[in-house]
Amino acid sequence: MARVVIPDISSLKHFVGRDFEPSDWVLVDQARIDAFAKATGDNQWIHCDPERARRDSPFGTTIAHGHLTLSLAPMLLQQEIEVKGVRMMVNPGIEHVRLRSPVPSMFIM
């Protein structure tokens, strides 16, 4: 996967709407989901109770919190692009996001 290098801030506008290559895979296992639940206080069974999720969830397993999924964006973005000539980049927020499918946990044996 080749990282896209953007020469400067003013060139960002030329990349609006552009598709990038897929990032590396990220393991979303129960340990990551549980750590996120502990940090946020969101211990809903659909995320934190593998046995109940196996039994009662339409997904057959626990799923990642939507906010956990979104929180991976900065890490994944760093794999995809580099903007030259900047000291730091700040995320001003996300206005239009729709999570189209759940991210199921991966159980490691």
PDB file of N, CA and C in Angstrom:
ATOM      1  N   MET A   1       0.846  -1.171   0.000  1.00  0.00           N
ATOM      2  CA  MET A   1       0.000   0.000   0.000  1.00  0.00           C
ATOM      3  C   MET A   1       0.893   1.235   0.000  1.00  0.00           C
ATOM      4  N   ALA A   2       0.670   2.108  -0.946  1.00  0.00           N
ATOM      5  CA  ALA A   2       1.451   3.338  -1.031  1.00  0.00           C
ATOM      6  C   ALA A   2       0.719   4.469  -0.321  1.00  0.00           C
ATOM      7  N   ARG A   3       1.428   5.140   0.543  1.00  0.00           N
ATOM      8  CA  ARG A   3       0.877   6.279   1.259  1.00  0.00           C
ATOM      9  C   ARG A   3       0.858   7.479   0.331  1.00  0.00           C
ATOM     10  N   VAL A   4      -0.243   8.218   0.324  1.00  0.00           N
ATOM     11  CA  VAL A   4      -0.357   9.410  -0.510  1.00  0.00           C
ATOM     12  C   VAL A   4       0.300  10.572   0.223  1.00  0.00           C
ATOM     13  N   VAL A   5       1.232  11.243  -0.449  1.00  0.00           N
ATOM     14  CA  VAL A   5       1.897  12.398   0.136  1.00  0.00           C
ATOM     15  C   VAL A   5       1.303  13.650  -0.498  1.00  0.00           C
ATOM     16  N   ILE A   6       0.722  14.483   0.341  1.00  0.00           N
ATOM     17  CA  ILE A   6       0.124  15.746  -0.108  1.00  0.00           C
ATOM     18  C   ILE A   6       1.139  16.837   0.188  1.00  0.00           C
ATOM     19  N   PRO A   7       1.528  17.600  -0.828  1.00  0.00           N
ATOM     20  CA  PRO A   7       2.658  18.519  -0.659  1.00  0.00           C
ATOM     21  C   PRO A   7       2.464  19.640   0.358  1.00  0.00           C
ATOM     22  N   ASP A   8       1.223  20.097   0.558  1.00  0.00           N
ATOM     23  CA  ASP A   8       0.977  21.195   1.498  1.00  0.00           C
ATOM     24  C   ASP A   8      -0.518  21.309   1.773  1.00  0.00           C
ATOM     25  N   ILE A   9      -0.857  22.134   2.731  1.00  0.00           N
ATOM     26  CA  ILE A   9      -2.251  22.315   3.145  1.00  0.00           C
ATOM     27  C   ILE A   9      -3.128  22.774   1.979  1.00  0.00           C
ATOM     28  N   SER A  10      -2.646  23.703   1.193  1.00  0.00           N
ATOM     29  CA  SER A  10      -3.479  24.233   0.105  1.00  0.00           C
ATOM     30  C   SER A  10      -3.814  23.172  -0.945  1.00  0.00           C
ATOM     31  N   SER A  11      -3.042  22.117  -1.006  1.00  0.00           N
ATOM     32  CA  SER A  11      -3.304  21.038  -1.972  1.00  0.00           C
ATOM     33  C   SER A  11      -4.390  20.073  -1.508  1.00  0.00           C
ATOM     34  N   LEU A  12      -4.778  20.153  -0.238  1.00  0.00           N
ATOM     35  CA  LEU A  12      -5.801  19.239   0.285  1.00  0.00           C
ATOM     36  C   LEU A  12      -7.090  19.295  -0.524  1.00  0.00           C
ATOM     37  N   LYS A  13      -7.447  20.482  -1.010  1.00  0.00           N
ATOM     38  CA  LYS A  13      -8.721  20.621  -1.733  1.00  0.00           C
ATOM     39  C   LYS A  13      -8.763  19.757  -2.994  1.00  0.00           C
ATOM     40  N   HIS A  14      -7.625  19.399  -3.534  1.00  0.00           N
ATOM     41  CA  HIS A  14      -7.570  18.553  -4.731  1.00  0.00           C
ATOM     42  C   HIS A  14      -7.852  17.078  -4.416  1.00  0.00           C
ATOM     43  N   PHE A  15      -7.936  16.753  -3.137  1.00  0.00           N
ATOM     44  CA  PHE A  15      -8.160  15.366  -2.728  1.00  0.00           C
ATOM     45  C   PHE A  15      -9.568  15.129  -2.187  1.00  0.00           C
ATOM     46  N   VAL A  16     -10.404  16.155  -2.189  1.00  0.00           N
ATOM     47  CA  VAL A  16     -11.778  16.015  -1.713  1.00  0.00           C
ATOM     48  C   VAL A  16     -12.514  15.028  -2.616  1.00  0.00           C
ATOM     49  N   GLY A  17     -13.137  14.039  -2.013  1.00  0.00           N
ATOM     50  CA  GLY A  17     -13.901  13.046  -2.755  1.00  0.00           C
ATOM     51  C   GLY A  17     -13.074  11.923  -3.364  1.00  0.00           C
ATOM     52  N   ARG A  18     -11.780  11.964  -3.185  1.00  0.00           N
ATOM     53  CA  ARG A  18     -10.907  10.951  -3.762  1.00  0.00           C
ATOM     54  C   ARG A  18     -10.945   9.674  -2.931  1.00  0.00           C
ATOM     55  N   ASP A  19     -10.907   8.545  -3.606  1.00  0.00           N
ATOM     56  CA  ASP A  19     -10.810   7.261  -2.921  1.00  0.00           C
ATOM     57  C   ASP A  19      -9.341   6.939  -2.676  1.00  0.00           C
ATOM     58  N   PHE A  20      -9.062   6.339  -1.524  1.00  0.00           N
ATOM     59  CA  PHE A  20      -7.715   5.916  -1.185  1.00  0.00           C
ATOM     60  C   PHE A  20      -7.696   4.395  -1.092  1.00  0.00           C
ATOM     61  N   GLU A  21      -6.521   3.838  -1.092  1.00  0.00           N
ATOM     62  CA  GLU A  21      -6.359   2.391  -0.935  1.00  0.00           C
ATOM     63  C   GLU A  21      -6.819   1.988   0.467  1.00  0.00           C
ATOM     64  N   PRO A  22      -7.209   0.744   0.638  1.00  0.00           N
ATOM     65  CA  PRO A  22      -7.573   0.284   1.987  1.00  0.00           C
ATOM     66  C   PRO A  22      -6.373   0.349   2.937  1.00  0.00           C
ATOM     67  N   SER A  23      -6.660   0.586   4.186  1.00  0.00           N
ATOM     68  CA  SER A  23      -5.615   0.596   5.206  1.00  0.00           C
ATOM     69  C   SER A  23      -5.286  -0.842   5.588  1.00  0.00           C
ATOM     70  N   ASP A  24      -4.319  -0.978   6.495  1.00  0.00           N
ATOM     71  CA  ASP A  24      -4.038  -2.287   7.073  1.00  0.00           C
ATOM     72  C   ASP A  24      -5.235  -2.727   7.917  1.00  0.00           C
ATOM     73  N   TRP A  25      -5.368  -4.026   8.124  1.00  0.00           N
ATOM     74  CA  TRP A  25      -6.400  -4.551   8.996  1.00  0.00           C
ATOM     75  C   TRP A  25      -6.089  -4.175  10.439  1.00  0.00           C
ATOM     76  N   VAL A  26      -7.123  -3.964  11.219  1.00  0.00           N
ATOM     77  CA  VAL A  26      -6.996  -3.677  12.642  1.00  0.00           C
ATOM     78  C   VAL A  26      -7.788  -4.729  13.400  1.00  0.00           C
ATOM     79  N   LEU A  27      -7.151  -5.351  14.369  1.00  0.00           N
ATOM     80  CA  LEU A  27      -7.820  -6.363  15.174  1.00  0.00           C
ATOM     81  C   LEU A  27      -8.776  -5.689  16.162  1.00  0.00           C
ATOM     82  N   VAL A  28     -10.039  -6.026  16.049  1.00  0.00           N
ATOM     83  CA  VAL A  28     -11.039  -5.563  17.007  1.00  0.00           C
ATOM     84  C   VAL A  28     -11.499  -6.806  17.763  1.00  0.00           C
ATOM     85  N   ASP A  29     -10.774  -7.087  18.835  1.00  0.00           N
ATOM     86  CA  ASP A  29     -11.084  -8.263  19.634  1.00  0.00           C
ATOM     87  C   ASP A  29     -11.827  -7.858  20.899  1.00  0.00           C
ATOM     88  N   GLN A  30     -12.226  -8.848  21.673  1.00  0.00           N
ATOM     89  CA  GLN A  30     -13.003  -8.558  22.876  1.00  0.00           C
ATOM     90  C   GLN A  30     -12.219  -7.724  23.873  1.00  0.00           C
ATOM     91  N   ALA A  31     -10.910  -7.926  23.928  1.00  0.00           N
ATOM     92  CA  ALA A  31     -10.086  -7.134  24.858  1.00  0.00           C
ATOM     93  C   ALA A  31     -10.144  -5.651  24.504  1.00  0.00           C
ATOM     94  N   ARG A  32     -10.089  -5.326  23.219  1.00  0.00           N
ATOM     95  CA  ARG A  32     -10.157  -3.920  22.789  1.00  0.00           C
ATOM     96  C   ARG A  32     -11.541  -3.351  23.094  1.00  0.00           C
ATOM     97  N   ILE A  33     -12.569  -4.127  22.814  1.00  0.00           N
ATOM     98  CA  ILE A  33     -13.937  -3.683  23.080  1.00  0.00           C
ATOM     99  C   ILE A  33     -14.148  -3.468  24.581  1.00  0.00           C
ATOM    100  N   ASP A  34     -13.661  -4.392  25.405  1.00  0.00           N
ATOM    101  CA  ASP A  34     -13.806  -4.259  26.854  1.00  0.00           C
ATOM    102  C   ASP A  34     -13.048  -3.043  27.383  1.00  0.00           C
ATOM    103  N   ALA A  35     -11.865  -2.777  26.848  1.00  0.00           N
ATOM    104  CA  ALA A  35     -11.089  -1.608  27.283  1.00  0.00           C
ATOM    105  C   ALA A  35     -11.829  -0.319  26.926  1.00  0.00           C
ATOM    106  N   PHE A  36     -12.430  -0.296  25.748  1.00  0.00           N
ATOM    107  CA  PHE A  36     -13.204   0.886  25.344  1.00  0.00           C
ATOM    108  C   PHE A  36     -14.426   1.051  26.251  1.00  0.00           C
ATOM    109  N   ALA A  37     -15.092  -0.055  26.557  1.00  0.00           N
ATOM    110  CA  ALA A  37     -16.255   0.001  27.446  1.00  0.00           C
ATOM    111  C   ALA A  37     -15.865   0.532  28.819  1.00  0.00           C
ATOM    112  N   LYS A  38     -14.732   0.094  29.313  1.00  0.00           N
ATOM    113  CA  LYS A  38     -14.272   0.566  30.626  1.00  0.00           C
ATOM    114  C   LYS A  38     -13.963   2.064  30.585  1.00  0.00           C
ATOM    115  N   ALA A  39     -13.334   2.513  29.505  1.00  0.00           N
ATOM    116  CA  ALA A  39     -12.967   3.932  29.386  1.00  0.00           C
ATOM    117  C   ALA A  39     -14.192   4.830  29.250  1.00  0.00           C
ATOM    118  N   THR A  40     -15.241   4.323  28.620  1.00  0.00           N
ATOM    119  CA  THR A  40     -16.415   5.161  28.341  1.00  0.00           C
ATOM    120  C   THR A  40     -17.601   4.897  29.247  1.00  0.00           C
ATOM    121  N   GLY A  41     -17.557   3.795  29.988  1.00  0.00           N
ATOM    122  CA  GLY A  41     -18.687   3.446  30.843  1.00  0.00           C
ATOM    123  C   GLY A  41     -19.848   2.828  30.078  1.00  0.00           C
ATOM    124  N   ASP A  42     -19.644   2.474  28.818  1.00  0.00           N
ATOM    125  CA  ASP A  42     -20.696   1.855  28.003  1.00  0.00           C
ATOM    126  C   ASP A  42     -20.507   0.348  28.016  1.00  0.00           C
ATOM    127  N   ASN A  43     -21.136  -0.307  28.985  1.00  0.00           N
ATOM    128  CA  ASN A  43     -20.981  -1.742  29.185  1.00  0.00           C
ATOM    129  C   ASN A  43     -22.185  -2.540  28.684  1.00  0.00           C
ATOM    130  N   GLN A  44     -22.858  -2.018  27.680  1.00  0.00           N
ATOM    131  CA  GLN A  44     -24.025  -2.685  27.120  1.00  0.00           C
ATOM    132  C   GLN A  44     -23.692  -4.128  26.727  1.00  0.00           C
ATOM    133  N   TRP A  45     -24.584  -5.057  26.959  1.00  0.00           N
ATOM    134  CA  TRP A  45     -24.310  -6.474  26.717  1.00  0.00           C
ATOM    135  C   TRP A  45     -23.933  -6.760  25.279  1.00  0.00           C
ATOM    136  N   ILE A  46     -24.462  -6.028  24.333  1.00  0.00           N
ATOM    137  CA  ILE A  46     -24.165  -6.277  22.918  1.00  0.00           C
ATOM    138  C   ILE A  46     -22.660  -6.116  22.638  1.00  0.00           C
ATOM    139  N   HIS A  47     -21.987  -5.371  23.509  1.00  0.00           N
ATOM    140  CA  HIS A  47     -20.548  -5.161  23.379  1.00  0.00           C
ATOM    141  C   HIS A  47     -19.736  -6.043  24.329  1.00  0.00           C
ATOM    142  N   CYS A  48     -20.249  -6.265  25.532  1.00  0.00           N
ATOM    143  CA  CYS A  48     -19.415  -6.802  26.613  1.00  0.00           C
ATOM    144  C   CYS A  48     -19.771  -8.189  27.134  1.00  0.00           C
ATOM    145  N   ASP A  49     -20.818  -8.786  26.639  1.00  0.00           N
ATOM    146  CA  ASP A  49     -21.215 -10.095  27.143  1.00  0.00           C
ATOM    147  C   ASP A  49     -21.224 -11.104  25.983  1.00  0.00           C
ATOM    148  N   PRO A  50     -20.070 -11.730  25.712  1.00  0.00           N
ATOM    149  CA  PRO A  50     -19.978 -12.651  24.570  1.00  0.00           C
ATOM    150  C   PRO A  50     -20.997 -13.787  24.601  1.00  0.00           C
ATOM    151  N   GLU A  51     -21.262 -14.334  25.777  1.00  0.00           N
ATOM    152  CA  GLU A  51     -22.209 -15.453  25.865  1.00  0.00           C
ATOM    153  C   GLU A  51     -23.624 -15.001  25.510  1.00  0.00           C
ATOM    154  N   ARG A  52     -24.046 -13.893  26.086  1.00  0.00           N
ATOM    155  CA  ARG A  52     -25.388 -13.387  25.757  1.00  0.00           C
ATOM    156  C   ARG A  52     -25.472 -12.956  24.296  1.00  0.00           C
ATOM    157  N   ALA A  53     -24.422 -12.333  23.794  1.00  0.00           N
ATOM    158  CA  ALA A  53     -24.416 -11.909  22.388  1.00  0.00           C
ATOM    159  C   ALA A  53     -24.519 -13.119  21.467  1.00  0.00           C
ATOM    160  N   ARG A  54     -23.825 -14.195  21.808  1.00  0.00           N
ATOM    161  CA  ARG A  54     -23.901 -15.424  21.019  1.00  0.00           C
ATOM    162  C   ARG A  54     -25.342 -15.963  20.999  1.00  0.00           C
ATOM    163  N   ARG A  55     -26.003 -15.811  22.133  1.00  0.00           N
ATOM    164  CA  ARG A  55     -27.350 -16.356  22.296  1.00  0.00           C
ATOM    165  C   ARG A  55     -28.443 -15.412  21.769  1.00  0.00           C
ATOM    166  N   ASP A  56     -28.335 -14.102  22.073  1.00  0.00           N
ATOM    167  CA  ASP A  56     -29.448 -13.175  21.845  1.00  0.00           C
ATOM    168  C   ASP A  56     -29.237 -12.148  20.733  1.00  0.00           C
ATOM    169  N   SER A  57     -28.027 -11.980  20.287  1.00  0.00           N
ATOM    170  CA  SER A  57     -27.756 -10.948  19.287  1.00  0.00           C
ATOM    171  C   SER A  57     -27.985 -11.474  17.876  1.00  0.00           C
ATOM    172  N   PRO A  58     -28.515 -10.662  16.998  1.00  0.00           N
ATOM    173  CA  PRO A  58     -28.650 -11.097  15.603  1.00  0.00           C
ATOM    174  C   PRO A  58     -27.295 -11.266  14.910  1.00  0.00           C
ATOM    175  N   PHE A  59     -26.231 -10.787  15.536  1.00  0.00           N
ATOM    176  CA  PHE A  59     -24.892 -10.867  14.950  1.00  0.00           C
ATOM    177  C   PHE A  59     -24.128 -12.109  15.395  1.00  0.00           C
ATOM    178  N   GLY A  60     -24.618 -12.780  16.446  1.00  0.00           N
ATOM    179  CA  GLY A  60     -23.992 -14.009  16.910  1.00  0.00           C
ATOM    180  C   GLY A  60     -22.715 -13.816  17.694  1.00  0.00           C
ATOM    181  N   THR A  61     -22.331 -12.587  17.923  1.00  0.00           N
ATOM    182  CA  THR A  61     -21.122 -12.260  18.677  1.00  0.00           C
ATOM    183  C   THR A  61     -21.259 -10.829  19.172  1.00  0.00           C
ATOM    184  N   THR A  62     -20.336 -10.402  20.018  1.00  0.00           N
ATOM    185  CA  THR A  62     -20.338  -9.007  20.430  1.00  0.00           C
ATOM    186  C   THR A  62     -19.904  -8.144  19.244  1.00  0.00           C
ATOM    187  N   ILE A  63     -20.265  -6.870  19.319  1.00  0.00           N
ATOM    188  CA  ILE A  63     -19.868  -5.918  18.277  1.00  0.00           C
ATOM    189  C   ILE A  63     -19.186  -4.719  18.919  1.00  0.00           C
ATOM    190  N   ALA A  64     -18.328  -4.089  18.154  1.00  0.00           N
ATOM    191  CA  ALA A  64     -17.633  -2.892  18.638  1.00  0.00           C
ATOM    192  C   ALA A  64     -18.618  -1.743  18.793  1.00  0.00           C
ATOM    193  N   HIS A  65     -18.348  -0.884  19.745  1.00  0.00           N
ATOM    194  CA  HIS A  65     -19.108   0.349  19.906  1.00  0.00           C
ATOM    195  C   HIS A  65     -18.914   1.187  18.637  1.00  0.00           C
ATOM    196  N   GLY A  66     -19.930   1.903  18.228  1.00  0.00           N
ATOM    197  CA  GLY A  66     -19.787   2.795  17.080  1.00  0.00           C
ATOM    198  C   GLY A  66     -18.689   3.825  17.292  1.00  0.00           C
ATOM    199  N   HIS A  67     -18.610   4.348  18.516  1.00  0.00           N
ATOM    200  CA  HIS A  67     -17.572   5.340  18.794  1.00  0.00           C
ATOM    201  C   HIS A  67     -16.171   4.723  18.800  1.00  0.00           C
ATOM    202  N   LEU A  68     -16.074   3.446  19.156  1.00  0.00           N
ATOM    203  CA  LEU A  68     -14.780   2.760  19.045  1.00  0.00           C
ATOM    204  C   LEU A  68     -14.369   2.688  17.577  1.00  0.00           C
ATOM    205  N   THR A  69     -15.304   2.307  16.727  1.00  0.00           N
ATOM    206  CA  THR A  69     -15.024   2.249  15.293  1.00  0.00           C
ATOM    207  C   THR A  69     -14.542   3.599  14.782  1.00  0.00           C
ATOM    208  N   LEU A  70     -15.244   4.664  15.153  1.00  0.00           N
ATOM    209  CA  LEU A  70     -14.858   6.009  14.714  1.00  0.00           C
ATOM    210  C   LEU A  70     -13.503   6.431  15.282  1.00  0.00           C
ATOM    211  N   SER A  71     -13.201   5.988  16.503  1.00  0.00           N
ATOM    212  CA  SER A  71     -11.949   6.400  17.137  1.00  0.00           C
ATOM    213  C   SER A  71     -10.720   5.814  16.442  1.00  0.00           C
ATOM    214  N   LEU A  72     -10.916   4.804  15.618  1.00  0.00           N
ATOM    215  CA  LEU A  72      -9.790   4.221  14.869  1.00  0.00           C
ATOM    216  C   LEU A  72      -9.416   5.055  13.646  1.00  0.00           C
ATOM    217  N   ALA A  73     -10.269   5.998  13.257  1.00  0.00           N
ATOM    218  CA  ALA A  73     -10.041   6.789  12.044  1.00  0.00           C
ATOM    219  C   ALA A  73      -8.691   7.520  12.024  1.00  0.00           C
ATOM    220  N   PRO A  74      -8.268   8.213  13.080  1.00  0.00           N
ATOM    221  CA  PRO A  74      -6.976   8.901  13.006  1.00  0.00           C
ATOM    222  C   PRO A  74      -5.802   7.954  12.745  1.00  0.00           C
ATOM    223  N   MET A  75      -5.810   6.797  13.391  1.00  0.00           N
ATOM    224  CA  MET A  75      -4.743   5.818  13.182  1.00  0.00           C
ATOM    225  C   MET A  75      -4.736   5.335  11.731  1.00  0.00           C
ATOM    226  N   LEU A  76      -5.921   5.039  11.211  1.00  0.00           N
ATOM    227  CA  LEU A  76      -6.017   4.552   9.842  1.00  0.00           C
ATOM    228  C   LEU A  76      -5.656   5.640   8.840  1.00  0.00           C
ATOM    229  N   LEU A  77      -6.050   6.876   9.130  1.00  0.00           N
ATOM    230  CA  LEU A  77      -5.741   7.995   8.232  1.00  0.00           C
ATOM    231  C   LEU A  77      -4.236   8.222   8.127  1.00  0.00           C
ATOM    232  N   GLN A  78      -3.530   8.072   9.237  1.00  0.00           N
ATOM    233  CA  GLN A  78      -2.067   8.241   9.211  1.00  0.00           C
ATOM    234  C   GLN A  78      -1.396   7.219   8.306  1.00  0.00           C
ATOM    235  N   GLN A  79      -2.007   6.061   8.148  1.00  0.00           N
ATOM    236  CA  GLN A  79      -1.458   5.052   7.234  1.00  0.00           C
ATOM    237  C   GLN A  79      -1.656   5.461   5.776  1.00  0.00           C
ATOM    238  N   GLU A  80      -2.680   6.260   5.524  1.00  0.00           N
ATOM    239  CA  GLU A  80      -3.088   6.575   4.161  1.00  0.00           C
ATOM    240  C   GLU A  80      -2.460   7.831   3.578  1.00  0.00           C
ATOM    241  N   ILE A  81      -2.395   8.876   4.394  1.00  0.00           N
ATOM    242  CA  ILE A  81      -1.912  10.160   3.856  1.00  0.00           C
ATOM    243  C   ILE A  81      -0.883  10.809   4.767  1.00  0.00           C
ATOM    244  N   GLU A  82      -0.064  11.616   4.138  1.00  0.00           N
ATOM    245  CA  GLU A  82       0.875  12.475   4.858  1.00  0.00           C
ATOM    246  C   GLU A  82       0.776  13.852   4.227  1.00  0.00           C
ATOM    247  N   VAL A  83       0.573  14.860   5.050  1.00  0.00           N
ATOM    248  CA  VAL A  83       0.520  16.230   4.554  1.00  0.00           C
ATOM    249  C   VAL A  83       1.828  16.899   4.955  1.00  0.00           C
ATOM    250  N   LYS A  84       2.600  17.301   3.960  1.00  0.00           N
ATOM    251  CA  LYS A  84       3.897  17.933   4.216  1.00  0.00           C
ATOM    252  C   LYS A  84       3.708  19.360   4.736  1.00  0.00           C
ATOM    253  N   GLY A  85       4.666  19.816   5.509  1.00  0.00           N
ATOM    254  CA  GLY A  85       4.700  21.212   5.941  1.00  0.00           C
ATOM    255  C   GLY A  85       3.726  21.573   7.042  1.00  0.00           C
ATOM    256  N   VAL A  86       3.226  20.581   7.786  1.00  0.00           N
ATOM    257  CA  VAL A  86       2.335  20.898   8.904  1.00  0.00           C
ATOM    258  C   VAL A  86       2.988  20.453  10.206  1.00  0.00           C
ATOM    259  N   ARG A  87       2.776  21.209  11.256  1.00  0.00           N
ATOM    260  CA  ARG A  87       3.296  20.824  12.564  1.00  0.00           C
ATOM    261  C   ARG A  87       2.379  19.866  13.277  1.00  0.00           C
ATOM    262  N   MET A  88       1.077  20.051  13.090  1.00  0.00           N
ATOM    263  CA  MET A  88       0.099  19.155  13.707  1.00  0.00           C
ATOM    264  C   MET A  88      -1.204  19.258  12.933  1.00  0.00           C
ATOM    265  N   MET A  89      -2.026  18.215  13.077  1.00  0.00           N
ATOM    266  CA  MET A  89      -3.350  18.233  12.478  1.00  0.00           C
ATOM    267  C   MET A  89      -4.358  18.016  13.593  1.00  0.00           C
ATOM    268  N   VAL A  90      -5.425  18.791  13.578  1.00  0.00           N
ATOM    269  CA  VAL A  90      -6.463  18.717  14.604  1.00  0.00           C
ATOM    270  C   VAL A  90      -7.769  18.305  13.938  1.00  0.00           C
ATOM    271  N   ASN A  91      -8.461  17.363  14.546  1.00  0.00           N
ATOM    272  CA  ASN A  91      -9.747  16.910  14.028  1.00  0.00           C
ATOM    273  C   ASN A  91     -10.839  17.838  14.548  1.00  0.00           C
ATOM    274  N   PRO A  92     -11.484  18.608  13.667  1.00  0.00           N
ATOM    275  CA  PRO A  92     -12.531  19.526  14.124  1.00  0.00           C
ATOM    276  C   PRO A  92     -13.872  18.839  14.361  1.00  0.00           C
ATOM    277  N   GLY A  93     -13.969  17.568  14.036  1.00  0.00           N
ATOM    278  CA  GLY A  93     -15.219  16.834  14.232  1.00  0.00           C
ATOM    279  C   GLY A  93     -15.627  16.112  12.965  1.00  0.00           C
ATOM    280  N   ILE A  94     -16.701  15.387  13.074  1.00  0.00           N
ATOM    281  CA  ILE A  94     -17.228  14.634  11.942  1.00  0.00           C
ATOM    282  C   ILE A  94     -18.691  15.004  11.811  1.00  0.00           C
ATOM    283  N   GLU A  95     -19.050  15.567  10.673  1.00  0.00           N
ATOM    284  CA  GLU A  95     -20.417  16.042  10.505  1.00  0.00           C
ATOM    285  C   GLU A  95     -21.369  15.001   9.928  1.00  0.00           C
ATOM    286  N   HIS A  96     -20.916  14.233   8.973  1.00  0.00           N
ATOM    287  CA  HIS A  96     -21.821  13.307   8.293  1.00  0.00           C
ATOM    288  C   HIS A  96     -21.208  11.911   8.269  1.00  0.00           C
ATOM    289  N   VAL A  97     -21.553  11.122   9.266  1.00  0.00           N
ATOM    290  CA  VAL A  97     -21.052   9.754   9.340  1.00  0.00           C
ATOM    291  C   VAL A  97     -22.241   8.831   9.525  1.00  0.00           C
ATOM    292  N   ARG A  98     -22.225   7.770   8.781  1.00  0.00           N
ATOM    293  CA  ARG A  98     -23.233   6.728   8.956  1.00  0.00           C
ATOM    294  C   ARG A  98     -22.495   5.406   9.037  1.00  0.00           C
ATOM    295  N   LEU A  99     -22.695   4.702  10.120  1.00  0.00           N
ATOM    296  CA  LEU A  99     -22.073   3.396  10.288  1.00  0.00           C
ATOM    297  C   LEU A  99     -23.000   2.371   9.639  1.00  0.00           C
ATOM    298  N   ARG A 100     -22.576   1.849   8.516  1.00  0.00           N
ATOM    299  CA  ARG A 100     -23.462   1.038   7.679  1.00  0.00           C
ATOM    300  C   ARG A 100     -23.572  -0.422   8.103  1.00  0.00           C
ATOM    301  N   SER A 101     -22.635  -0.899   8.884  1.00  0.00           N
ATOM    302  CA  SER A 101     -22.738  -2.269   9.388  1.00  0.00           C
ATOM    303  C   SER A 101     -21.924  -2.385  10.666  1.00  0.00           C
ATOM    304  N   PRO A 102     -22.288  -3.331  11.525  1.00  0.00           N
ATOM    305  CA  PRO A 102     -21.555  -3.486  12.768  1.00  0.00           C
ATOM    306  C   PRO A 102     -20.173  -4.076  12.535  1.00  0.00           C
ATOM    307  N   VAL A 103     -19.277  -3.839  13.479  1.00  0.00           N
ATOM    308  CA  VAL A 103     -17.950  -4.444  13.452  1.00  0.00           C
ATOM    309  C   VAL A 103     -17.958  -5.549  14.496  1.00  0.00           C
ATOM    310  N   PRO A 104     -18.006  -6.810  14.067  1.00  0.00           N
ATOM    311  CA  PRO A 104     -18.039  -7.906  15.027  1.00  0.00           C
ATOM    312  C   PRO A 104     -16.676  -8.115  15.678  1.00  0.00           C
ATOM    313  N   SER A 105     -16.706  -8.548  16.935  1.00  0.00           N
ATOM    314  CA  SER A 105     -15.440  -8.849  17.602  1.00  0.00           C
ATOM    315  C   SER A 105     -14.833 -10.098  16.978  1.00  0.00           C
ATOM    316  N   MET A 106     -13.538 -10.148  17.048  1.00  0.00           N
ATOM    317  CA  MET A 106     -12.792 -11.321  16.559  1.00  0.00           C
ATOM    318  C   MET A 106     -12.268 -12.036  17.788  1.00  0.00           C
ATOM    319  N   PHE A 107     -12.585 -13.292  17.918  1.00  0.00           N
ATOM    320  CA  PHE A 107     -12.108 -14.057  19.049  1.00  0.00           C
ATOM    321  C   PHE A 107     -10.792 -14.736  18.659  1.00  0.00           C
ATOM    322  N   ILE A 108      -9.790 -14.561  19.476  1.00  0.00           N
ATOM    323  CA  ILE A 108      -8.473 -15.131  19.232  1.00  0.00           C
ATOM    324  C   ILE A 108      -8.363 -16.398  20.087  1.00  0.00           C
ATOM    325  N   MET A 109      -8.076 -17.476  19.446  1.00  0.00           N
ATOM    326  CA  MET A 109      -7.922 -18.742  20.163  1.00  0.00           C
ATOM    327  C   MET A 109      -6.451 -19.006  20.437  1.00  0.00           C
TER     328      MET A 109
END
